[in-house]
Amino acid sequence: MMSKLHVKTGDTVVLLTGDKKDRKKTGKVLEVSPKEGKVIVEGINVVKKHAKPKKAGDPSGIIETNGAVYACKVQVVCPKCNKPTRVGTKIYEDGKKDRMCKKCGETF
């Protein structure tokens, strides 16, 4: 895929599609993978893995981890208006760029 994503690590996002248990859930982006076009969001697409202990003292049994979701399925939540929004770019005269909310115009 190798395109620039509209989501960055630390953004609060809402899941737009998916099954009933995860749809419209919000969470913080933990990891972004632009090469695959996927993001890992806290509390969304929770996957259970069965693991053996690799060393003495490591946890074993069923471990819950967050699975990846396609970036096109999530939308950034504006910190000011608390609504899911598209992300625009605001360019200042000195050449500096900021991301902005398309609904209220606030930069973040």
N, C-alpha and C. Protein backbone atom coordinates (compact mmCIF):
# COMPACT_ATOMS: atom_id res chain seq x y z
N MET A 1 0.84 -1.18 0.00
CA MET A 1 0.00 0.00 0.00
C MET A 1 0.88 1.25 0.00
N MET A 2 1.79 1.38 0.95
CA MET A 2 2.84 2.40 0.99
C MET A 2 2.36 3.84 0.77
N SER A 3 1.20 4.19 1.28
CA SER A 3 0.76 5.58 1.18
C SER A 3 0.72 6.18 2.58
N LYS A 4 0.71 7.49 2.64
CA LYS A 4 0.69 8.17 3.93
C LYS A 4 -0.70 8.02 4.55
N LEU A 5 -0.74 7.71 5.82
CA LEU A 5 -2.00 7.49 6.50
C LEU A 5 -2.47 8.76 7.21
N HIS A 6 -3.77 8.89 7.37
CA HIS A 6 -4.36 10.03 8.06
C HIS A 6 -4.33 9.87 9.57
N VAL A 7 -3.88 8.73 10.05
CA VAL A 7 -3.86 8.42 11.47
C VAL A 7 -2.42 8.40 11.96
N LYS A 8 -2.19 8.94 13.15
CA LYS A 8 -0.86 8.91 13.76
C LYS A 8 -0.95 8.24 15.13
N THR A 9 0.18 7.79 15.63
CA THR A 9 0.24 7.16 16.94
C THR A 9 -0.19 8.17 18.00
N GLY A 10 -1.09 7.74 18.88
CA GLY A 10 -1.58 8.61 19.94
C GLY A 10 -2.92 9.26 19.64
N ASP A 11 -3.39 9.19 18.39
CA ASP A 11 -4.70 9.74 18.03
C ASP A 11 -5.81 8.91 18.67
N THR A 12 -6.93 9.57 18.98
CA THR A 12 -8.13 8.86 19.40
C THR A 12 -8.97 8.65 18.16
N VAL A 13 -9.35 7.39 17.91
CA VAL A 13 -10.09 7.06 16.69
C VAL A 13 -11.35 6.27 17.04
N VAL A 14 -12.29 6.25 16.10
CA VAL A 14 -13.51 5.46 16.24
C VAL A 14 -13.56 4.47 15.07
N LEU A 15 -13.99 3.24 15.35
CA LEU A 15 -14.09 2.21 14.33
C LEU A 15 -15.43 2.37 13.61
N LEU A 16 -15.40 2.53 12.29
CA LEU A 16 -16.60 2.80 11.52
C LEU A 16 -17.35 1.54 11.13
N THR A 17 -16.64 0.46 10.81
CA THR A 17 -17.27 -0.77 10.34
C THR A 17 -16.82 -1.93 11.21
N GLY A 18 -17.42 -3.07 10.96
CA GLY A 18 -17.02 -4.27 11.70
C GLY A 18 -18.22 -4.93 12.32
N ASP A 19 -17.96 -5.94 13.16
CA ASP A 19 -19.06 -6.64 13.80
C ASP A 19 -19.63 -5.82 14.95
N LYS A 20 -20.73 -6.30 15.52
CA LYS A 20 -21.46 -5.52 16.53
C LYS A 20 -20.64 -5.25 17.78
N LYS A 21 -19.72 -6.15 18.12
CA LYS A 21 -18.98 -5.97 19.37
C LYS A 21 -17.96 -4.83 19.29
N ASP A 22 -17.46 -4.50 18.10
CA ASP A 22 -16.42 -3.48 17.98
C ASP A 22 -16.87 -2.20 17.27
N ARG A 23 -17.96 -2.24 16.52
CA ARG A 23 -18.38 -1.07 15.75
C ARG A 23 -18.71 0.10 16.68
N LYS A 24 -18.28 1.29 16.30
CA LYS A 24 -18.49 2.55 17.03
C LYS A 24 -17.72 2.62 18.35
N LYS A 25 -16.76 1.73 18.56
CA LYS A 25 -15.90 1.81 19.74
C LYS A 25 -14.79 2.81 19.48
N THR A 26 -14.36 3.50 20.52
CA THR A 26 -13.24 4.42 20.39
C THR A 26 -12.05 3.87 21.15
N GLY A 27 -10.86 4.28 20.71
CA GLY A 27 -9.64 3.85 21.36
C GLY A 27 -8.46 4.67 20.87
N LYS A 28 -7.34 4.50 21.55
CA LYS A 28 -6.12 5.23 21.22
C LYS A 28 -5.26 4.38 20.29
N VAL A 29 -4.67 5.01 19.29
CA VAL A 29 -3.82 4.30 18.33
C VAL A 29 -2.49 3.98 19.01
N LEU A 30 -2.14 2.70 19.05
CA LEU A 30 -0.89 2.26 19.68
C LEU A 30 0.24 2.15 18.66
N GLU A 31 -0.09 1.71 17.45
CA GLU A 31 0.93 1.47 16.43
C GLU A 31 0.34 1.69 15.05
N VAL A 32 1.14 2.27 14.14
CA VAL A 32 0.72 2.51 12.76
C VAL A 32 1.68 1.79 11.83
N SER A 33 1.13 1.07 10.86
CA SER A 33 1.94 0.36 9.87
C SER A 33 1.55 0.83 8.47
N PRO A 34 2.22 1.88 7.94
CA PRO A 34 1.85 2.40 6.63
C PRO A 34 2.11 1.42 5.49
N LYS A 35 3.07 0.54 5.66
CA LYS A 35 3.40 -0.43 4.61
C LYS A 35 2.21 -1.37 4.36
N GLU A 36 1.54 -1.78 5.42
CA GLU A 36 0.39 -2.67 5.31
C GLU A 36 -0.93 -1.90 5.26
N GLY A 37 -0.91 -0.61 5.63
CA GLY A 37 -2.13 0.18 5.68
C GLY A 37 -3.00 -0.16 6.87
N LYS A 38 -2.36 -0.59 7.98
CA LYS A 38 -3.11 -1.02 9.16
C LYS A 38 -2.68 -0.23 10.39
N VAL A 39 -3.57 -0.21 11.39
CA VAL A 39 -3.29 0.40 12.68
C VAL A 39 -3.70 -0.57 13.78
N ILE A 40 -3.05 -0.45 14.93
CA ILE A 40 -3.43 -1.23 16.11
C ILE A 40 -4.02 -0.24 17.10
N VAL A 41 -5.29 -0.49 17.48
CA VAL A 41 -6.03 0.41 18.35
C VAL A 41 -6.30 -0.30 19.67
N GLU A 42 -6.14 0.44 20.76
CA GLU A 42 -6.33 -0.09 22.10
C GLU A 42 -7.80 -0.48 22.32
N GLY A 43 -8.04 -1.75 22.67
CA GLY A 43 -9.38 -2.22 22.99
C GLY A 43 -10.24 -2.63 21.81
N ILE A 44 -9.71 -2.53 20.59
CA ILE A 44 -10.47 -2.91 19.40
C ILE A 44 -9.79 -4.11 18.75
N ASN A 45 -10.60 -5.08 18.30
CA ASN A 45 -10.12 -6.30 17.67
C ASN A 45 -9.19 -7.07 18.61
N VAL A 46 -9.68 -7.34 19.81
CA VAL A 46 -8.90 -8.06 20.82
C VAL A 46 -8.84 -9.54 20.42
N VAL A 47 -7.63 -10.08 20.35
CA VAL A 47 -7.37 -11.44 19.92
C VAL A 47 -6.77 -12.22 21.08
N LYS A 48 -7.21 -13.47 21.25
CA LYS A 48 -6.65 -14.32 22.30
C LYS A 48 -5.63 -15.26 21.68
N LYS A 49 -4.44 -15.32 22.30
CA LYS A 49 -3.38 -16.21 21.83
C LYS A 49 -3.04 -17.20 22.94
N HIS A 50 -2.79 -18.44 22.54
CA HIS A 50 -2.37 -19.46 23.49
C HIS A 50 -0.85 -19.53 23.43
N ALA A 51 -0.19 -19.26 24.56
CA ALA A 51 1.27 -19.15 24.54
C ALA A 51 1.89 -20.06 25.60
N LYS A 52 3.04 -20.61 25.23
CA LYS A 52 3.86 -21.36 26.18
C LYS A 52 4.87 -20.39 26.77
N PRO A 53 5.35 -20.64 27.98
CA PRO A 53 6.40 -19.78 28.52
C PRO A 53 7.72 -20.03 27.80
N LYS A 54 8.37 -18.98 27.34
CA LYS A 54 9.64 -19.11 26.63
C LYS A 54 10.80 -19.30 27.60
N LYS A 55 10.75 -18.60 28.74
CA LYS A 55 11.76 -18.72 29.78
C LYS A 55 11.04 -18.98 31.09
N ALA A 56 11.81 -19.30 32.12
CA ALA A 56 11.21 -19.48 33.43
C ALA A 56 10.71 -18.13 33.94
N GLY A 57 9.48 -18.08 34.38
CA GLY A 57 8.91 -16.84 34.89
C GLY A 57 8.05 -16.09 33.88
N ASP A 58 8.09 -16.47 32.61
CA ASP A 58 7.24 -15.83 31.59
C ASP A 58 5.80 -16.30 31.76
N PRO A 59 4.83 -15.45 31.40
CA PRO A 59 3.44 -15.88 31.52
C PRO A 59 3.08 -16.92 30.46
N SER A 60 2.20 -17.82 30.83
CA SER A 60 1.73 -18.82 29.87
C SER A 60 0.21 -18.84 29.92
N GLY A 61 -0.39 -19.58 29.02
CA GLY A 61 -1.84 -19.68 28.98
C GLY A 61 -2.41 -18.79 27.89
N ILE A 62 -3.60 -18.27 28.14
CA ILE A 62 -4.30 -17.45 27.15
C ILE A 62 -3.95 -15.98 27.40
N ILE A 63 -3.36 -15.34 26.38
CA ILE A 63 -2.94 -13.94 26.47
C ILE A 63 -3.76 -13.13 25.47
N GLU A 64 -4.33 -12.00 25.93
CA GLU A 64 -5.11 -11.13 25.04
C GLU A 64 -4.23 -10.04 24.47
N THR A 65 -4.27 -9.86 23.15
CA THR A 65 -3.53 -8.79 22.49
C THR A 65 -4.47 -8.06 21.53
N ASN A 66 -4.07 -6.87 21.11
CA ASN A 66 -4.85 -6.10 20.15
C ASN A 66 -4.43 -6.46 18.74
N GLY A 67 -5.41 -6.79 17.90
CA GLY A 67 -5.14 -7.12 16.51
C GLY A 67 -5.17 -5.87 15.64
N ALA A 68 -4.64 -5.98 14.43
CA ALA A 68 -4.57 -4.85 13.51
C ALA A 68 -5.91 -4.67 12.79
N VAL A 69 -6.19 -3.40 12.45
CA VAL A 69 -7.39 -3.02 11.71
C VAL A 69 -6.94 -2.16 10.54
N TYR A 70 -7.61 -2.27 9.39
CA TYR A 70 -7.27 -1.41 8.26
C TYR A 70 -7.53 0.05 8.61
N ALA A 71 -6.62 0.92 8.19
CA ALA A 71 -6.70 2.34 8.53
C ALA A 71 -7.91 3.01 7.89
N CYS A 72 -8.40 2.49 6.77
CA CYS A 72 -9.56 3.09 6.12
C CYS A 72 -10.85 2.82 6.90
N LYS A 73 -10.82 1.92 7.86
CA LYS A 73 -12.00 1.58 8.65
C LYS A 73 -12.12 2.42 9.92
N VAL A 74 -11.11 3.27 10.22
CA VAL A 74 -11.16 4.12 11.41
C VAL A 74 -11.18 5.58 11.00
N GLN A 75 -11.71 6.42 11.90
CA GLN A 75 -11.75 7.85 11.65
C GLN A 75 -11.31 8.57 12.92
N VAL A 76 -10.54 9.65 12.74
CA VAL A 76 -9.99 10.40 13.86
C VAL A 76 -11.10 11.16 14.57
N VAL A 77 -11.06 11.17 15.92
CA VAL A 77 -12.01 11.94 16.72
C VAL A 77 -11.35 13.27 17.07
N CYS A 78 -12.05 14.37 16.76
CA CYS A 78 -11.53 15.71 17.05
C CYS A 78 -11.51 15.93 18.56
N PRO A 79 -10.39 16.43 19.11
CA PRO A 79 -10.32 16.66 20.56
C PRO A 79 -11.24 17.78 21.03
N LYS A 80 -11.59 18.73 20.15
CA LYS A 80 -12.42 19.86 20.56
C LYS A 80 -13.91 19.53 20.49
N CYS A 81 -14.37 19.07 19.31
CA CYS A 81 -15.81 18.84 19.14
C CYS A 81 -16.24 17.40 19.47
N ASN A 82 -15.29 16.51 19.76
CA ASN A 82 -15.55 15.11 20.14
C ASN A 82 -16.40 14.36 19.12
N LYS A 83 -16.20 14.65 17.83
CA LYS A 83 -16.93 13.96 16.77
C LYS A 83 -15.93 13.34 15.80
N PRO A 84 -16.29 12.20 15.20
CA PRO A 84 -15.43 11.63 14.16
C PRO A 84 -15.37 12.57 12.97
N THR A 85 -14.17 12.82 12.46
CA THR A 85 -14.02 13.79 11.39
C THR A 85 -12.92 13.38 10.43
N ARG A 86 -12.97 13.96 9.24
CA ARG A 86 -11.87 13.80 8.30
C ARG A 86 -10.76 14.77 8.72
N VAL A 87 -9.55 14.46 8.31
CA VAL A 87 -8.40 15.27 8.69
C VAL A 87 -7.94 16.07 7.48
N GLY A 88 -7.80 17.38 7.67
CA GLY A 88 -7.29 18.26 6.63
C GLY A 88 -5.93 18.80 7.03
N THR A 89 -5.29 19.53 6.13
CA THR A 89 -3.98 20.12 6.40
C THR A 89 -4.09 21.63 6.30
N LYS A 90 -3.59 22.31 7.33
CA LYS A 90 -3.55 23.76 7.33
C LYS A 90 -2.09 24.18 7.16
N ILE A 91 -1.81 24.98 6.13
CA ILE A 91 -0.45 25.41 5.84
C ILE A 91 -0.32 26.89 6.19
N TYR A 92 0.64 27.21 7.05
CA TYR A 92 0.87 28.59 7.46
C TYR A 92 1.82 29.27 6.47
N GLU A 93 1.96 30.59 6.60
CA GLU A 93 2.80 31.37 5.68
C GLU A 93 4.27 30.99 5.77
N ASP A 94 4.73 30.60 6.95
CA ASP A 94 6.14 30.22 7.11
C ASP A 94 6.43 28.79 6.62
N GLY A 95 5.41 28.10 6.08
CA GLY A 95 5.60 26.76 5.54
C GLY A 95 5.28 25.64 6.50
N LYS A 96 4.95 25.97 7.75
CA LYS A 96 4.63 24.96 8.75
C LYS A 96 3.25 24.36 8.46
N LYS A 97 3.11 23.04 8.67
CA LYS A 97 1.85 22.35 8.42
C LYS A 97 1.28 21.83 9.73
N ASP A 98 -0.03 21.88 9.85
CA ASP A 98 -0.76 21.33 10.99
C ASP A 98 -1.93 20.52 10.49
N ARG A 99 -2.32 19.50 11.24
CA ARG A 99 -3.52 18.76 10.90
C ARG A 99 -4.72 19.49 11.52
N MET A 100 -5.85 19.49 10.80
CA MET A 100 -7.02 20.20 11.30
C MET A 100 -8.29 19.37 11.11
N CYS A 101 -9.27 19.67 11.95
CA CYS A 101 -10.59 19.04 11.88
C CYS A 101 -11.37 19.67 10.74
N LYS A 102 -11.96 18.84 9.88
CA LYS A 102 -12.74 19.35 8.74
C LYS A 102 -14.11 19.88 9.19
N LYS A 103 -14.58 19.49 10.38
CA LYS A 103 -15.90 19.93 10.84
C LYS A 103 -15.84 21.28 11.54
N CYS A 104 -14.92 21.43 12.51
CA CYS A 104 -14.89 22.67 13.29
C CYS A 104 -13.71 23.57 12.94
N GLY A 105 -12.73 23.07 12.20
CA GLY A 105 -11.59 23.89 11.78
C GLY A 105 -10.48 23.99 12.81
N GLU A 106 -10.60 23.30 13.93
CA GLU A 106 -9.59 23.35 15.00
C GLU A 106 -8.37 22.53 14.60
N THR A 107 -7.17 23.06 14.89
CA THR A 107 -5.94 22.32 14.60
C THR A 107 -5.58 21.43 15.78
N PHE A 108 -4.96 20.29 15.46
CA PHE A 108 -4.47 19.39 16.52
C PHE A 108 -3.21 18.70 16.09
